[in-house]
């Protein structure tokens, strides 16, 4: 299941958050093949965090505003590939933005 609330992928002034399970995150990363490390680096730059919520291991990614402008376009491309990998796998994710 995917819940989306107005994600704006071409706006560097938007703040956003994506939440999914750690298991779905790892599976999506694995599907990225040789780009896995690049994707994780972009996610880290975007504010990647791991935590537990009600006994469920989850990951959160948020806030593109902090990204270095020189990697912004490349980062968006990799982020979108990552989000598509989550969606293709049928992972439960929630995304929202505030612009």
C-alpha atoms as a PDB file:
ATOM      1  CA  UNK A   1       0.000   0.000   0.000  1.00  0.00           C
ATOM      2  CA  UNK A   2       1.301   3.440  -0.872  1.00  0.00           C
ATOM      3  CA  UNK A   3       0.020   6.640   0.669  1.00  0.00           C
ATOM      4  CA  UNK A   4       1.085   9.840  -1.033  1.00  0.00           C
ATOM      5  CA  UNK A   5       0.311  13.379   0.035  1.00  0.00           C
ATOM      6  CA  UNK A   6       1.586  15.902  -2.507  1.00  0.00           C
ATOM      7  CA  UNK A   7       5.240  14.971  -2.965  1.00  0.00           C
ATOM      8  CA  UNK A   8       6.913  17.606  -5.116  1.00  0.00           C
ATOM      9  CA  UNK A   9      10.000  16.088  -6.709  1.00  0.00           C
ATOM     10  CA  UNK A  10      11.191  19.134  -8.645  1.00  0.00           C
ATOM     11  CA  UNK A  11      11.083  21.720  -5.890  1.00  0.00           C
ATOM     12  CA  UNK A  12      14.204  22.359  -3.837  1.00  0.00           C
ATOM     13  CA  UNK A  13      12.147  24.419  -1.394  1.00  0.00           C
ATOM     14  CA  UNK A  14       9.873  21.588  -0.254  1.00  0.00           C
ATOM     15  CA  UNK A  15      10.266  19.601   2.909  1.00  0.00           C
ATOM     16  CA  UNK A  16       9.055  16.035   2.799  1.00  0.00           C
ATOM     17  CA  UNK A  17       9.199  12.690   4.555  1.00  0.00           C
ATOM     18  CA  UNK A  18       9.042   9.050   3.427  1.00  0.00           C
ATOM     19  CA  UNK A  19       8.461   6.241   5.938  1.00  0.00           C
ATOM     20  CA  UNK A  20       8.705   2.505   5.231  1.00  0.00           C
ATOM     21  CA  UNK A  21       9.810  -0.684   6.972  1.00  0.00           C
ATOM     22  CA  UNK A  22      13.492  -1.448   7.312  1.00  0.00           C
ATOM     23  CA  UNK A  23      12.906  -4.736   5.493  1.00  0.00           C
ATOM     24  CA  UNK A  24      11.337  -2.939   2.491  1.00  0.00           C
ATOM     25  CA  UNK A  25      14.176  -0.394   2.523  1.00  0.00           C
ATOM     26  CA  UNK A  26      16.852  -3.096   2.399  1.00  0.00           C
ATOM     27  CA  UNK A  27      15.024  -4.966  -0.379  1.00  0.00           C
ATOM     28  CA  UNK A  28      14.679  -1.768  -2.445  1.00  0.00           C
ATOM     29  CA  UNK A  29      18.371  -0.982  -1.969  1.00  0.00           C
ATOM     30  CA  UNK A  30      19.307  -4.494  -3.038  1.00  0.00           C
ATOM     31  CA  UNK A  31      17.278  -4.067  -6.238  1.00  0.00           C
ATOM     32  CA  UNK A  32      19.332  -0.963  -7.094  1.00  0.00           C
ATOM     33  CA  UNK A  33      22.330  -3.162  -7.937  1.00  0.00           C
ATOM     34  CA  UNK A  34      25.559  -1.255  -8.510  1.00  0.00           C
ATOM     35  CA  UNK A  35      23.838   2.049  -7.636  1.00  0.00           C
ATOM     36  CA  UNK A  36      23.034   0.866  -4.093  1.00  0.00           C
ATOM     37  CA  UNK A  37      25.838   2.816  -2.390  1.00  0.00           C
ATOM     38  CA  UNK A  38      24.997   5.988  -4.360  1.00  0.00           C
ATOM     39  CA  UNK A  39      21.333   5.679  -3.396  1.00  0.00           C
ATOM     40  CA  UNK A  40      22.183   5.204   0.296  1.00  0.00           C
ATOM     41  CA  UNK A  41      24.526   8.222   0.167  1.00  0.00           C
ATOM     42  CA  UNK A  42      21.705  10.357  -1.269  1.00  0.00           C
ATOM     43  CA  UNK A  43      19.263   9.050   1.354  1.00  0.00           C
ATOM     44  CA  UNK A  44      21.798   9.861   4.085  1.00  0.00           C
ATOM     45  CA  UNK A  45      22.143  13.397   2.704  1.00  0.00           C
ATOM     46  CA  UNK A  46      18.342  13.670   2.709  1.00  0.00           C
ATOM     47  CA  UNK A  47      18.110  12.897   6.424  1.00  0.00           C
ATOM     48  CA  UNK A  48      17.936   9.070   6.574  1.00  0.00           C
ATOM     49  CA  UNK A  49      17.046   7.724  10.028  1.00  0.00           C
ATOM     50  CA  UNK A  50      16.322   4.258  11.429  1.00  0.00           C
ATOM     51  CA  UNK A  51      14.067   3.773  14.439  1.00  0.00           C
ATOM     52  CA  UNK A  52      11.533   1.423  16.011  1.00  0.00           C
ATOM     53  CA  UNK A  53       7.837   2.260  16.187  1.00  0.00           C
ATOM     54  CA  UNK A  54       5.569  -0.077  18.120  1.00  0.00           C
ATOM     55  CA  UNK A  55       8.109  -2.876  17.799  1.00  0.00           C
ATOM     56  CA  UNK A  56       8.432  -2.412  14.004  1.00  0.00           C
ATOM     57  CA  UNK A  57      11.778  -1.378  12.567  1.00  0.00           C
ATOM     58  CA  UNK A  58      11.185   1.550  10.208  1.00  0.00           C
ATOM     59  CA  UNK A  59      13.247   3.983   8.175  1.00  0.00           C
ATOM     60  CA  UNK A  60      12.491   7.632   7.541  1.00  0.00           C
ATOM     61  CA  UNK A  61      13.912   9.852   4.829  1.00  0.00           C
ATOM     62  CA  UNK A  62      13.178  13.531   4.782  1.00  0.00           C
ATOM     63  CA  UNK A  63      14.019  17.099   3.947  1.00  0.00           C
ATOM     64  CA  UNK A  64      15.695  17.694   0.598  1.00  0.00           C
ATOM     65  CA  UNK A  65      16.267  21.309   1.608  1.00  0.00           C
ATOM     66  CA  UNK A  66      19.569  20.321   3.256  1.00  0.00           C
ATOM     67  CA  UNK A  67      21.012  18.709   0.113  1.00  0.00           C
ATOM     68  CA  UNK A  68      24.105  20.165  -1.521  1.00  0.00           C
ATOM     69  CA  UNK A  69      22.860  21.938  -4.664  1.00  0.00           C
ATOM     70  CA  UNK A  70      25.565  20.298  -6.809  1.00  0.00           C
ATOM     71  CA  UNK A  71      24.036  16.838  -6.252  1.00  0.00           C
ATOM     72  CA  UNK A  72      20.403  17.899  -6.094  1.00  0.00           C
ATOM     73  CA  UNK A  73      19.407  16.759  -9.599  1.00  0.00           C
ATOM     74  CA  UNK A  74      21.390  13.509  -9.338  1.00  0.00           C
ATOM     75  CA  UNK A  75      19.909  12.965  -5.882  1.00  0.00           C
ATOM     76  CA  UNK A  76      16.342  13.395  -7.087  1.00  0.00           C
ATOM     77  CA  UNK A  77      16.931  10.875  -9.870  1.00  0.00           C
ATOM     78  CA  UNK A  78      18.310   8.280  -7.450  1.00  0.00           C
ATOM     79  CA  UNK A  79      15.615   8.994  -4.862  1.00  0.00           C
ATOM     80  CA  UNK A  80      12.894   8.492  -7.460  1.00  0.00           C
ATOM     81  CA  UNK A  81      14.482   5.179  -8.515  1.00  0.00           C
ATOM     82  CA  UNK A  82      14.513   4.127  -4.849  1.00  0.00           C
ATOM     83  CA  UNK A  83      10.869   5.136  -4.321  1.00  0.00           C
ATOM     84  CA  UNK A  84       9.874   3.303  -7.524  1.00  0.00           C
ATOM     85  CA  UNK A  85      11.708   0.197  -6.284  1.00  0.00           C
ATOM     86  CA  UNK A  86       9.689   0.359  -3.065  1.00  0.00           C
ATOM     87  CA  UNK A  87       6.466   0.826  -5.030  1.00  0.00           C
ATOM     88  CA  UNK A  88       7.246  -1.994  -7.498  1.00  0.00           C
ATOM     89  CA  UNK A  89       7.776  -4.369  -4.602  1.00  0.00           C
ATOM     90  CA  UNK A  90       4.422  -3.391  -3.092  1.00  0.00           C
ATOM     91  CA  UNK A  91       6.055  -2.049   0.076  1.00  0.00           C
ATOM     92  CA  UNK A  92       3.946  -0.129   2.516  1.00  0.00           C
ATOM     93  CA  UNK A  93       5.185   3.447   2.376  1.00  0.00           C
ATOM     94  CA  UNK A  94       3.877   6.859   3.257  1.00  0.00           C
ATOM     95  CA  UNK A  95       5.139  10.100   1.732  1.00  0.00           C
ATOM     96  CA  UNK A  96       4.083  13.676   2.258  1.00  0.00           C
ATOM     97  CA  UNK A  97       5.448  17.131   1.641  1.00  0.00           C
ATOM     98  CA  UNK A  98       5.116  20.665   2.844  1.00  0.00           C
ATOM     99  CA  UNK A  99       6.059  23.208   0.196  1.00  0.00           C
END
